[in-house]
């Protein structure tokens, strides 16, 4: 999946859904910048 994030175009390389106890769920992702090819890991709140 390709998304716009932080003023750039990113492709999802990997993702995992994590539910932590009483807290909200988090989706941990590995994203590749389409323009530069760099890969970053980031967590997003569920529903973002």
ModelCIF file with pLDDT and N, C-alpha, C, O atoms, coordinates in Angstrom:
data_MODEL
#
_entry.id   MODEL 
#
_entity.id                         1 
_entity.type                       polymer 
_entity.pdbx_number_of_molecules   1 
#
_entity_poly.entity_id                      1 
_entity_poly.type                           'polypeptide(L)' 
_entity_poly.nstd_linkage                   no 
_entity_poly.nstd_monomer                   no 
_entity_poly.pdbx_seq_one_letter_code       
;(UNK)(UNK)(UNK)(UNK)(UNK)(UNK)(UNK)(UNK)(UNK)(UNK)(UNK)(UNK)(UNK)(UNK)(UNK)(UNK)
(UNK)(UNK)(UNK)(UNK)(UNK)(UNK)(UNK)(UNK)(UNK)(UNK)(UNK)(UNK)(UNK)(UNK)(UNK)(UNK)
(UNK)(UNK)(UNK)(UNK)(UNK)(UNK)(UNK)(UNK)(UNK)(UNK)(UNK)(UNK)(UNK)(UNK)(UNK)(UNK)
;
_entity_poly.pdbx_seq_one_letter_code_can   XXXXXXXXXXXXXXXXXXXXXXXXXXXXXXXXXXXXXXXXXXXXXXXX 
_entity_poly.pdbx_strand_id                 A 
#
loop_
_entity_poly_seq.entity_id 
_entity_poly_seq.num 
_entity_poly_seq.mon_id 
_entity_poly_seq.hetero 
1 1  UNK n 
1 2  UNK n 
1 3  UNK n 
1 4  UNK n 
1 5  UNK n 
1 6  UNK n 
1 7  UNK n 
1 8  UNK n 
1 9  UNK n 
1 10 UNK n 
1 11 UNK n 
1 12 UNK n 
1 13 UNK n 
1 14 UNK n 
1 15 UNK n 
1 16 UNK n 
1 17 UNK n 
1 18 UNK n 
1 19 UNK n 
1 20 UNK n 
1 21 UNK n 
1 22 UNK n 
1 23 UNK n 
1 24 UNK n 
1 25 UNK n 
1 26 UNK n 
1 27 UNK n 
1 28 UNK n 
1 29 UNK n 
1 30 UNK n 
1 31 UNK n 
1 32 UNK n 
1 33 UNK n 
1 34 UNK n 
1 35 UNK n 
1 36 UNK n 
1 37 UNK n 
1 38 UNK n 
1 39 UNK n 
1 40 UNK n 
1 41 UNK n 
1 42 UNK n 
1 43 UNK n 
1 44 UNK n 
1 45 UNK n 
1 46 UNK n 
1 47 UNK n 
1 48 UNK n 
#
_struct_asym.id          A 
_struct_asym.entity_id   1 
#
loop_
_ma_qa_metric.id 
_ma_qa_metric.mode 
_ma_qa_metric.name 
_ma_qa_metric.software_group_id 
_ma_qa_metric.type 
1 global pLDDT . pLDDT 
2 local  pLDDT . pLDDT 
#
_ma_qa_metric_global.metric_id      1 
_ma_qa_metric_global.metric_value   90.85 
_ma_qa_metric_global.model_id       1 
_ma_qa_metric_global.ordinal_id     1 
#
loop_
_ma_qa_metric_local.label_asym_id 
_ma_qa_metric_local.label_comp_id 
_ma_qa_metric_local.label_seq_id 
_ma_qa_metric_local.metric_id 
_ma_qa_metric_local.metric_value 
_ma_qa_metric_local.model_id 
_ma_qa_metric_local.ordinal_id 
A UNK 1  2 93.00 1 1  
A UNK 2  2 93.00 1 2  
A UNK 3  2 95.00 1 3  
A UNK 4  2 94.00 1 4  
A UNK 5  2 93.00 1 5  
A UNK 6  2 91.00 1 6  
A UNK 7  2 88.00 1 7  
A UNK 8  2 91.00 1 8  
A UNK 9  2 92.00 1 9  
A UNK 10 2 94.00 1 10 
A UNK 11 2 93.00 1 11 
A UNK 12 2 94.00 1 12 
A UNK 13 2 94.00 1 13 
A UNK 14 2 95.00 1 14 
A UNK 15 2 95.00 1 15 
A UNK 16 2 94.00 1 16 
A UNK 17 2 92.00 1 17 
A UNK 18 2 89.00 1 18 
A UNK 19 2 87.00 1 19 
A UNK 20 2 80.00 1 20 
A UNK 21 2 81.00 1 21 
A UNK 22 2 81.00 1 22 
A UNK 23 2 80.00 1 23 
A UNK 24 2 84.00 1 24 
A UNK 25 2 90.00 1 25 
A UNK 26 2 93.00 1 26 
A UNK 27 2 94.00 1 27 
A UNK 28 2 95.00 1 28 
A UNK 29 2 96.00 1 29 
A UNK 30 2 96.00 1 30 
A UNK 31 2 95.00 1 31 
A UNK 32 2 92.00 1 32 
A UNK 33 2 91.00 1 33 
A UNK 34 2 86.00 1 34 
A UNK 35 2 82.00 1 35 
A UNK 36 2 83.00 1 36 
A UNK 37 2 82.00 1 37 
A UNK 38 2 89.00 1 38 
A UNK 39 2 92.00 1 39 
A UNK 40 2 96.00 1 40 
A UNK 41 2 96.00 1 41 
A UNK 42 2 95.00 1 42 
A UNK 43 2 94.00 1 43 
A UNK 44 2 94.00 1 44 
A UNK 45 2 93.00 1 45 
A UNK 46 2 90.00 1 46 
A UNK 47 2 90.00 1 47 
A UNK 48 2 94.00 1 48 
#
loop_
_atom_site.group_PDB 
_atom_site.id 
_atom_site.type_symbol 
_atom_site.label_atom_id 
_atom_site.label_alt_id 
_atom_site.label_comp_id 
_atom_site.label_asym_id 
_atom_site.label_entity_id 
_atom_site.label_seq_id 
_atom_site.pdbx_PDB_ins_code 
_atom_site.Cartn_x 
_atom_site.Cartn_y 
_atom_site.Cartn_z 
_atom_site.occupancy 
_atom_site.B_iso_or_equiv 
_atom_site.pdbx_formal_charge 
_atom_site.auth_seq_id 
_atom_site.auth_comp_id 
_atom_site.auth_asym_id 
_atom_site.auth_atom_id 
_atom_site.pdbx_PDB_model_num 
ATOM 1   N N  . UNK A 1 1  ? 0.852  -1.193 0.000  1.00 93.00 ? 1  UNK A N  1 
ATOM 2   C CA . UNK A 1 1  ? 0.000  0.000  0.000  1.00 93.00 ? 1  UNK A CA 1 
ATOM 3   C C  . UNK A 1 1  ? 0.885  1.240  0.000  1.00 93.00 ? 1  UNK A C  1 
ATOM 4   O O  . UNK A 1 1  ? 1.888  1.294  0.712  1.00 93.00 ? 1  UNK A O  1 
ATOM 5   N N  . UNK A 1 2  ? 0.515  2.227  -0.795 1.00 93.00 ? 2  UNK A N  1 
ATOM 6   C CA . UNK A 1 2  ? 1.273  3.472  -0.865 1.00 93.00 ? 2  UNK A CA 1 
ATOM 7   C C  . UNK A 1 2  ? 0.443  4.574  -0.240 1.00 93.00 ? 2  UNK A C  1 
ATOM 8   O O  . UNK A 1 2  ? -0.724 4.761  -0.583 1.00 93.00 ? 2  UNK A O  1 
ATOM 9   N N  . UNK A 1 3  ? 1.068  5.319  0.701  1.00 95.00 ? 3  UNK A N  1 
ATOM 10  C CA . UNK A 1 3  ? 0.366  6.382  1.422  1.00 95.00 ? 3  UNK A CA 1 
ATOM 11  C C  . UNK A 1 3  ? 1.196  7.665  1.418  1.00 95.00 ? 3  UNK A C  1 
ATOM 12  O O  . UNK A 1 3  ? 2.404  7.641  1.181  1.00 95.00 ? 3  UNK A O  1 
ATOM 13  N N  . UNK A 1 4  ? 0.519  8.790  1.687  1.00 94.00 ? 4  UNK A N  1 
ATOM 14  C CA . UNK A 1 4  ? 1.211  10.062 1.866  1.00 94.00 ? 4  UNK A CA 1 
ATOM 15  C C  . UNK A 1 4  ? 1.364  10.267 3.369  1.00 94.00 ? 4  UNK A C  1 
ATOM 16  O O  . UNK A 1 4  ? 0.387  10.227 4.116  1.00 94.00 ? 4  UNK A O  1 
ATOM 17  N N  . UNK A 1 5  ? 2.617  10.488 3.803  1.00 93.00 ? 5  UNK A N  1 
ATOM 18  C CA . UNK A 1 5  ? 2.928  10.661 5.219  1.00 93.00 ? 5  UNK A CA 1 
ATOM 19  C C  . UNK A 1 5  ? 4.149  11.554 5.320  1.00 93.00 ? 5  UNK A C  1 
ATOM 20  O O  . UNK A 1 5  ? 5.098  11.372 4.558  1.00 93.00 ? 5  UNK A O  1 
ATOM 21  N N  . UNK A 1 6  ? 4.156  12.499 6.222  1.00 91.00 ? 6  UNK A N  1 
ATOM 22  C CA . UNK A 1 6  ? 5.264  13.430 6.436  1.00 91.00 ? 6  UNK A CA 1 
ATOM 23  C C  . UNK A 1 6  ? 5.702  14.092 5.123  1.00 91.00 ? 6  UNK A C  1 
ATOM 24  O O  . UNK A 1 6  ? 6.894  14.132 4.818  1.00 91.00 ? 6  UNK A O  1 
ATOM 25  N N  . UNK A 1 7  ? 4.768  14.596 4.369  1.00 88.00 ? 7  UNK A N  1 
ATOM 26  C CA . UNK A 1 7  ? 5.042  15.292 3.102  1.00 88.00 ? 7  UNK A CA 1 
ATOM 27  C C  . UNK A 1 7  ? 5.826  14.438 2.111  1.00 88.00 ? 7  UNK A C  1 
ATOM 28  O O  . UNK A 1 7  ? 6.599  14.975 1.319  1.00 88.00 ? 7  UNK A O  1 
ATOM 29  N N  . UNK A 1 8  ? 5.642  13.135 2.140  1.00 91.00 ? 8  UNK A N  1 
ATOM 30  C CA . UNK A 1 8  ? 6.318  12.245 1.207  1.00 91.00 ? 8  UNK A CA 1 
ATOM 31  C C  . UNK A 1 8  ? 5.420  11.086 0.811  1.00 91.00 ? 8  UNK A C  1 
ATOM 32  O O  . UNK A 1 8  ? 4.335  10.901 1.363  1.00 91.00 ? 8  UNK A O  1 
ATOM 33  N N  . UNK A 1 9  ? 5.896  10.303 -0.165 1.00 92.00 ? 9  UNK A N  1 
ATOM 34  C CA . UNK A 1 9  ? 5.174  9.109  -0.602 1.00 92.00 ? 9  UNK A CA 1 
ATOM 35  C C  . UNK A 1 9  ? 5.891  7.900  -0.034 1.00 92.00 ? 9  UNK A C  1 
ATOM 36  O O  . UNK A 1 9  ? 7.103  7.755  -0.193 1.00 92.00 ? 9  UNK A O  1 
ATOM 37  N N  . UNK A 1 10 ? 5.134  7.025  0.636  1.00 94.00 ? 10 UNK A N  1 
ATOM 38  C CA . UNK A 1 10 ? 5.701  5.877  1.327  1.00 94.00 ? 10 UNK A CA 1 
ATOM 39  C C  . UNK A 1 10 ? 4.960  4.612  0.938  1.00 94.00 ? 10 UNK A C  1 
ATOM 40  O O  . UNK A 1 10 ? 3.751  4.627  0.710  1.00 94.00 ? 10 UNK A O  1 
ATOM 41  N N  . UNK A 1 11 ? 5.711  3.508  0.866  1.00 93.00 ? 11 UNK A N  1 
ATOM 42  C CA . UNK A 1 11 ? 5.123  2.196  0.600  1.00 93.00 ? 11 UNK A CA 1 
ATOM 43  C C  . UNK A 1 11 ? 5.276  1.338  1.844  1.00 93.00 ? 11 UNK A C  1 
ATOM 44  O O  . UNK A 1 11 ? 6.346  1.311  2.453  1.00 93.00 ? 11 UNK A O  1 
ATOM 45  N N  . UNK A 1 12 ? 4.218  0.640  2.223  1.00 94.00 ? 12 UNK A N  1 
ATOM 46  C CA . UNK A 1 12 ? 4.270  -0.230 3.404  1.00 94.00 ? 12 UNK A CA 1 
ATOM 47  C C  . UNK A 1 12 ? 4.993  -1.522 3.033  1.00 94.00 ? 12 UNK A C  1 
ATOM 48  O O  . UNK A 1 12 ? 4.557  -2.264 2.153  1.00 94.00 ? 12 UNK A O  1 
ATOM 49  N N  . UNK A 1 13 ? 6.099  -1.773 3.717  1.00 94.00 ? 13 UNK A N  1 
ATOM 50  C CA . UNK A 1 13 ? 6.907  -2.967 3.485  1.00 94.00 ? 13 UNK A CA 1 
ATOM 51  C C  . UNK A 1 13 ? 6.470  -4.082 4.428  1.00 94.00 ? 13 UNK A C  1 
ATOM 52  O O  . UNK A 1 13 ? 6.456  -5.253 4.049  1.00 94.00 ? 13 UNK A O  1 
ATOM 53  N N  . UNK A 1 14 ? 6.112  -3.714 5.660  1.00 95.00 ? 14 UNK A N  1 
ATOM 54  C CA . UNK A 1 14 ? 5.681  -4.688 6.658  1.00 95.00 ? 14 UNK A CA 1 
ATOM 55  C C  . UNK A 1 14 ? 4.839  -3.961 7.704  1.00 95.00 ? 14 UNK A C  1 
ATOM 56  O O  . UNK A 1 14 ? 5.033  -2.767 7.934  1.00 95.00 ? 14 UNK A O  1 
ATOM 57  N N  . UNK A 1 15 ? 3.915  -4.665 8.332  1.00 95.00 ? 15 UNK A N  1 
ATOM 58  C CA . UNK A 1 15 ? 3.116  -4.058 9.394  1.00 95.00 ? 15 UNK A CA 1 
ATOM 59  C C  . UNK A 1 15 ? 2.652  -5.145 10.363 1.00 95.00 ? 15 UNK A C  1 
ATOM 60  O O  . UNK A 1 15 ? 2.506  -6.310 9.992  1.00 95.00 ? 15 UNK A O  1 
ATOM 61  N N  . UNK A 1 16 ? 2.424  -4.735 11.615 1.00 94.00 ? 16 UNK A N  1 
ATOM 62  C CA . UNK A 1 16 ? 1.925  -5.641 12.647 1.00 94.00 ? 16 UNK A CA 1 
ATOM 63  C C  . UNK A 1 16 ? 0.978  -4.867 13.542 1.00 94.00 ? 16 UNK A C  1 
ATOM 64  O O  . UNK A 1 16 ? 1.254  -3.726 13.912 1.00 94.00 ? 16 UNK A O  1 
ATOM 65  N N  . UNK A 1 17 ? -0.125 -5.481 13.885 1.00 92.00 ? 17 UNK A N  1 
ATOM 66  C CA . UNK A 1 17 ? -1.120 -4.867 14.760 1.00 92.00 ? 17 UNK A CA 1 
ATOM 67  C C  . UNK A 1 17 ? -0.837 -5.333 16.190 1.00 92.00 ? 17 UNK A C  1 
ATOM 68  O O  . UNK A 1 17 ? -0.760 -6.533 16.452 1.00 92.00 ? 17 UNK A O  1 
ATOM 69  N N  . UNK A 1 18 ? -0.681 -4.367 17.124 1.00 89.00 ? 18 UNK A N  1 
ATOM 70  C CA . UNK A 1 18 ? -0.389 -4.698 18.520 1.00 89.00 ? 18 UNK A CA 1 
ATOM 71  C C  . UNK A 1 18 ? -1.464 -4.111 19.419 1.00 89.00 ? 18 UNK A C  1 
ATOM 72  O O  . UNK A 1 18 ? -1.772 -2.922 19.330 1.00 89.00 ? 18 UNK A O  1 
ATOM 73  N N  . UNK A 1 19 ? -2.037 -4.941 20.285 1.00 87.00 ? 19 UNK A N  1 
ATOM 74  C CA . UNK A 1 19 ? -2.997 -4.483 21.288 1.00 87.00 ? 19 UNK A CA 1 
ATOM 75  C C  . UNK A 1 19 ? -2.312 -4.596 22.627 1.00 87.00 ? 19 UNK A C  1 
ATOM 76  O O  . UNK A 1 19 ? -1.925 -5.687 23.045 1.00 87.00 ? 19 UNK A O  1 
ATOM 77  N N  . UNK A 1 20 ? -2.157 -3.451 23.314 1.00 80.00 ? 20 UNK A N  1 
ATOM 78  C CA . UNK A 1 20 ? -1.419 -3.447 24.565 1.00 80.00 ? 20 UNK A CA 1 
ATOM 79  C C  . UNK A 1 20 ? -2.362 -3.235 25.751 1.00 80.00 ? 20 UNK A C  1 
ATOM 80  O O  . UNK A 1 20 ? -2.815 -2.117 25.999 1.00 80.00 ? 20 UNK A O  1 
ATOM 81  N N  . UNK A 1 21 ? -2.647 -4.287 26.461 1.00 81.00 ? 21 UNK A N  1 
ATOM 82  C CA . UNK A 1 21 ? -3.419 -4.224 27.703 1.00 81.00 ? 21 UNK A CA 1 
ATOM 83  C C  . UNK A 1 21 ? -4.573 -3.249 27.676 1.00 81.00 ? 21 UNK A C  1 
ATOM 84  O O  . UNK A 1 21 ? -5.484 -3.381 26.858 1.00 81.00 ? 21 UNK A O  1 
ATOM 85  N N  . UNK A 1 22 ? -4.543 -2.264 28.569 1.00 81.00 ? 22 UNK A N  1 
ATOM 86  C CA . UNK A 1 22 ? -5.618 -1.279 28.661 1.00 81.00 ? 22 UNK A CA 1 
ATOM 87  C C  . UNK A 1 22 ? -5.461 -0.170 27.626 1.00 81.00 ? 22 UNK A C  1 
ATOM 88  O O  . UNK A 1 22 ? -6.437 0.505  27.296 1.00 81.00 ? 22 UNK A O  1 
ATOM 89  N N  . UNK A 1 23 ? -4.282 0.024  27.123 1.00 80.00 ? 23 UNK A N  1 
ATOM 90  C CA . UNK A 1 23 ? -4.048 1.101  26.164 1.00 80.00 ? 23 UNK A CA 1 
ATOM 91  C C  . UNK A 1 23 ? -4.647 0.789  24.806 1.00 80.00 ? 23 UNK A C  1 
ATOM 92  O O  . UNK A 1 23 ? -5.135 -0.316 24.569 1.00 80.00 ? 23 UNK A O  1 
ATOM 93  N N  . UNK A 1 24 ? -4.607 1.754  23.931 1.00 84.00 ? 24 UNK A N  1 
ATOM 94  C CA . UNK A 1 24 ? -5.134 1.565  22.591 1.00 84.00 ? 24 UNK A CA 1 
ATOM 95  C C  . UNK A 1 24 ? -4.208 0.716  21.741 1.00 84.00 ? 24 UNK A C  1 
ATOM 96  O O  . UNK A 1 24 ? -3.036 0.526  22.067 1.00 84.00 ? 24 UNK A O  1 
ATOM 97  N N  . UNK A 1 25 ? -4.746 0.219  20.664 1.00 90.00 ? 25 UNK A N  1 
ATOM 98  C CA . UNK A 1 25 ? -3.959 -0.601 19.743 1.00 90.00 ? 25 UNK A CA 1 
ATOM 99  C C  . UNK A 1 25 ? -2.996 0.275  18.944 1.00 90.00 ? 25 UNK A C  1 
ATOM 100 O O  . UNK A 1 25 ? -3.254 1.454  18.700 1.00 90.00 ? 25 UNK A O  1 
ATOM 101 N N  . UNK A 1 26 ? -1.892 -0.329 18.549 1.00 93.00 ? 26 UNK A N  1 
ATOM 102 C CA . UNK A 1 26 ? -0.872 0.358  17.764 1.00 93.00 ? 26 UNK A CA 1 
ATOM 103 C C  . UNK A 1 26 ? -0.537 -0.511 16.558 1.00 93.00 ? 26 UNK A C  1 
ATOM 104 O O  . UNK A 1 26 ? -0.456 -1.735 16.665 1.00 93.00 ? 26 UNK A O  1 
ATOM 105 N N  . UNK A 1 27 ? -0.347 0.125  15.426 1.00 94.00 ? 27 UNK A N  1 
ATOM 106 C CA . UNK A 1 27 ? 0.069  -0.590 14.221 1.00 94.00 ? 27 UNK A CA 1 
ATOM 107 C C  . UNK A 1 27 ? 1.521  -0.210 13.961 1.00 94.00 ? 27 UNK A C  1 
ATOM 108 O O  . UNK A 1 27 ? 1.821  0.935  13.622 1.00 94.00 ? 27 UNK A O  1 
ATOM 109 N N  . UNK A 1 28 ? 2.423  -1.182 14.122 1.00 95.00 ? 28 UNK A N  1 
ATOM 110 C CA . UNK A 1 28 ? 3.854  -0.952 13.875 1.00 95.00 ? 28 UNK A CA 1 
ATOM 111 C C  . UNK A 1 28 ? 4.132  -1.252 12.416 1.00 95.00 ? 28 UNK A C  1 
ATOM 112 O O  . UNK A 1 28 ? 3.769  -2.315 11.912 1.00 95.00 ? 28 UNK A O  1 
ATOM 113 N N  . UNK A 1 29 ? 4.774  -0.317 11.740 1.00 96.00 ? 29 UNK A N  1 
ATOM 114 C CA . UNK A 1 29 ? 5.004  -0.462 10.308 1.00 96.00 ? 29 UNK A CA 1 
ATOM 115 C C  . UNK A 1 29 ? 6.464  -0.268 9.949  1.00 96.00 ? 29 UNK A C  1 
ATOM 116 O O  . UNK A 1 29 ? 7.227  0.378  10.667 1.00 96.00 ? 29 UNK A O  1 
ATOM 117 N N  . UNK A 1 30 ? 6.823  -0.842 8.827  1.00 96.00 ? 30 UNK A N  1 
ATOM 118 C CA . UNK A 1 30 ? 8.112  -0.587 8.193  1.00 96.00 ? 30 UNK A CA 1 
ATOM 119 C C  . UNK A 1 30 ? 7.746  0.037  6.850  1.00 96.00 ? 30 UNK A C  1 
ATOM 120 O O  . UNK A 1 30 ? 7.053  -0.581 6.042  1.00 96.00 ? 30 UNK A O  1 
ATOM 121 N N  . UNK A 1 31 ? 8.216  1.270  6.612  1.00 95.00 ? 31 UNK A N  1 
ATOM 122 C CA . UNK A 1 31 ? 7.843  2.039  5.436  1.00 95.00 ? 31 UNK A CA 1 
ATOM 123 C C  . UNK A 1 31 ? 9.062  2.354  4.574  1.00 95.00 ? 31 UNK A C  1 
ATOM 124 O O  . UNK A 1 31 ? 10.140 2.639  5.096  1.00 95.00 ? 31 UNK A O  1 
ATOM 125 N N  . UNK A 1 32 ? 8.888  2.302  3.249  1.00 92.00 ? 32 UNK A N  1 
ATOM 126 C CA . UNK A 1 32 ? 9.965  2.661  2.316  1.00 92.00 ? 32 UNK A CA 1 
ATOM 127 C C  . UNK A 1 32 ? 9.571  3.946  1.607  1.00 92.00 ? 32 UNK A C  1 
ATOM 128 O O  . UNK A 1 32 ? 8.487  4.043  1.033  1.00 92.00 ? 32 UNK A O  1 
ATOM 129 N N  . UNK A 1 33 ? 10.468 4.939  1.653  1.00 91.00 ? 33 UNK A N  1 
ATOM 130 C CA . UNK A 1 33 ? 10.228 6.193  0.951  1.00 91.00 ? 33 UNK A CA 1 
ATOM 131 C C  . UNK A 1 33 ? 10.380 5.939  -0.538 1.00 91.00 ? 33 UNK A C  1 
ATOM 132 O O  . UNK A 1 33 ? 11.423 5.458  -0.981 1.00 91.00 ? 33 UNK A O  1 
ATOM 133 N N  . UNK A 1 34 ? 9.359  6.256  -1.312 1.00 86.00 ? 34 UNK A N  1 
ATOM 134 C CA . UNK A 1 34 ? 9.371  5.970  -2.745 1.00 86.00 ? 34 UNK A CA 1 
ATOM 135 C C  . UNK A 1 34 ? 10.395 6.820  -3.474 1.00 86.00 ? 34 UNK A C  1 
ATOM 136 O O  . UNK A 1 34 ? 10.996 6.365  -4.447 1.00 86.00 ? 34 UNK A O  1 
ATOM 137 N N  . UNK A 1 35 ? 10.606 8.061  -3.014 1.00 82.00 ? 35 UNK A N  1 
ATOM 138 C CA . UNK A 1 35 ? 11.554 8.950  -3.684 1.00 82.00 ? 35 UNK A CA 1 
ATOM 139 C C  . UNK A 1 35 ? 13.011 8.596  -3.401 1.00 82.00 ? 35 UNK A C  1 
ATOM 140 O O  . UNK A 1 35 ? 13.836 8.599  -4.314 1.00 82.00 ? 35 UNK A O  1 
ATOM 141 N N  . UNK A 1 36 ? 13.334 8.289  -2.140 1.00 83.00 ? 36 UNK A N  1 
ATOM 142 C CA . UNK A 1 36 ? 14.730 8.070  -1.762 1.00 83.00 ? 36 UNK A CA 1 
ATOM 143 C C  . UNK A 1 36 ? 15.101 6.604  -1.575 1.00 83.00 ? 36 UNK A C  1 
ATOM 144 O O  . UNK A 1 36 ? 16.279 6.254  -1.648 1.00 83.00 ? 36 UNK A O  1 
ATOM 145 N N  . UNK A 1 37 ? 14.116 5.746  -1.335 1.00 82.00 ? 37 UNK A N  1 
ATOM 146 C CA . UNK A 1 37 ? 14.393 4.329  -1.104 1.00 82.00 ? 37 UNK A CA 1 
ATOM 147 C C  . UNK A 1 37 ? 14.718 4.000  0.341  1.00 82.00 ? 37 UNK A C  1 
ATOM 148 O O  . UNK A 1 37 ? 14.893 2.830  0.681  1.00 82.00 ? 37 UNK A O  1 
ATOM 149 N N  . UNK A 1 38 ? 14.803 5.029  1.216  1.00 89.00 ? 38 UNK A N  1 
ATOM 150 C CA . UNK A 1 38 ? 15.132 4.782  2.619  1.00 89.00 ? 38 UNK A CA 1 
ATOM 151 C C  . UNK A 1 38 ? 13.975 4.082  3.317  1.00 89.00 ? 38 UNK A C  1 
ATOM 152 O O  . UNK A 1 38 ? 12.812 4.267  2.956  1.00 89.00 ? 38 UNK A O  1 
ATOM 153 N N  . UNK A 1 39 ? 14.305 3.276  4.320  1.00 92.00 ? 39 UNK A N  1 
ATOM 154 C CA . UNK A 1 39 ? 13.298 2.519  5.068  1.00 92.00 ? 39 UNK A CA 1 
ATOM 155 C C  . UNK A 1 39 ? 13.309 2.992  6.517  1.00 92.00 ? 39 UNK A C  1 
ATOM 156 O O  . UNK A 1 39 ? 14.368 3.124  7.130  1.00 92.00 ? 39 UNK A O  1 
ATOM 157 N N  . UNK A 1 40 ? 12.108 3.247  7.060  1.00 96.00 ? 40 UNK A N  1 
ATOM 158 C CA . UNK A 1 40 ? 11.966 3.654  8.461  1.00 96.00 ? 40 UNK A CA 1 
ATOM 159 C C  . UNK A 1 40 ? 10.909 2.780  9.123  1.00 96.00 ? 40 UNK A C  1 
ATOM 160 O O  . UNK A 1 40 ? 10.030 2.224  8.464  1.00 96.00 ? 40 UNK A O  1 
ATOM 161 N N  . UNK A 1 41 ? 11.018 2.674  10.446 1.00 96.00 ? 41 UNK A N  1 
ATOM 162 C CA . UNK A 1 41 ? 10.000 1.973  11.228 1.00 96.00 ? 41 UNK A CA 1 
ATOM 163 C C  . UNK A 1 41 ? 9.243  3.007  12.031 1.00 96.00 ? 41 UNK A C  1 
ATOM 164 O O  . UNK A 1 41 ? 9.837  3.928  12.592 1.00 96.00 ? 41 UNK A O  1 
ATOM 165 N N  . UNK A 1 42 ? 7.914  2.852  12.085 1.00 95.00 ? 42 UNK A N  1 
ATOM 166 C CA . UNK A 1 42 ? 7.095  3.825  12.807 1.00 95.00 ? 42 UNK A CA 1 
ATOM 167 C C  . UNK A 1 42 ? 5.841  3.128  13.332 1.00 95.00 ? 42 UNK A C  1 
ATOM 168 O O  . UNK A 1 42 ? 5.346  2.175  12.730 1.00 95.00 ? 42 UNK A O  1 
ATOM 169 N N  . UNK A 1 43 ? 5.338  3.620  14.459 1.00 94.00 ? 43 UNK A N  1 
ATOM 170 C CA . UNK A 1 43 ? 4.096  3.108  15.014 1.00 94.00 ? 43 UNK A CA 1 
ATOM 171 C C  . UNK A 1 43 ? 2.988  4.137  14.856 1.00 94.00 ? 43 UNK A C  1 
ATOM 172 O O  . UNK A 1 43 ? 3.209  5.329  15.070 1.00 94.00 ? 43 UNK A O  1 
ATOM 173 N N  . UNK A 1 44 ? 1.802  3.683  14.484 1.00 94.00 ? 44 UNK A N  1 
ATOM 174 C CA . UNK A 1 44 ? 0.646  4.560  14.334 1.00 94.00 ? 44 UNK A CA 1 
ATOM 175 C C  . UNK A 1 44 ? -0.457 4.077  15.261 1.00 94.00 ? 44 UNK A C  1 
ATOM 176 O O  . UNK A 1 44 ? -0.606 2.877  15.492 1.00 94.00 ? 44 UNK A O  1 
ATOM 177 N N  . UNK A 1 45 ? -1.233 5.024  15.793 1.00 93.00 ? 45 UNK A N  1 
ATOM 178 C CA . UNK A 1 45 ? -2.392 4.647  16.602 1.00 93.00 ? 45 UNK A CA 1 
ATOM 179 C C  . UNK A 1 45 ? -3.429 3.993  15.697 1.00 93.00 ? 45 UNK A C  1 
ATOM 180 O O  . UNK A 1 45 ? -3.600 4.411  14.552 1.00 93.00 ? 45 UNK A O  1 
ATOM 181 N N  . UNK A 1 46 ? -4.110 2.990  16.188 1.00 90.00 ? 46 UNK A N  1 
ATOM 182 C CA . UNK A 1 46 ? -5.157 2.320  15.412 1.00 90.00 ? 46 UNK A CA 1 
ATOM 183 C C  . UNK A 1 46 ? -6.219 3.340  15.032 1.00 90.00 ? 46 UNK A C  1 
ATOM 184 O O  . UNK A 1 46 ? -6.654 4.140  15.860 1.00 90.00 ? 46 UNK A O  1 
ATOM 185 N N  . UNK A 1 47 ? -6.626 3.301  13.780 1.00 90.00 ? 47 UNK A N  1 
ATOM 186 C CA . UNK A 1 47 ? -7.657 4.210  13.299 1.00 90.00 ? 47 UNK A CA 1 
ATOM 187 C C  . UNK A 1 47 ? -7.116 5.480  12.669 1.00 90.00 ? 47 UNK A C  1 
ATOM 188 O O  . UNK A 1 47 ? -7.879 6.255  12.092 1.00 90.00 ? 47 UNK A O  1 
ATOM 189 N N  . UNK A 1 48 ? -5.811 5.707  12.769 1.00 94.00 ? 48 UNK A N  1 
ATOM 190 C CA . UNK A 1 48 ? -5.222 6.888  12.147 1.00 94.00 ? 48 UNK A CA 1 
ATOM 191 C C  . UNK A 1 48 ? -5.444 6.818  10.632 1.00 94.00 ? 48 UNK A C  1 
ATOM 192 O O  . UNK A 1 48 ? -5.025 7.718  9.904  1.00 94.00 ? 48 UNK A O  1 
#
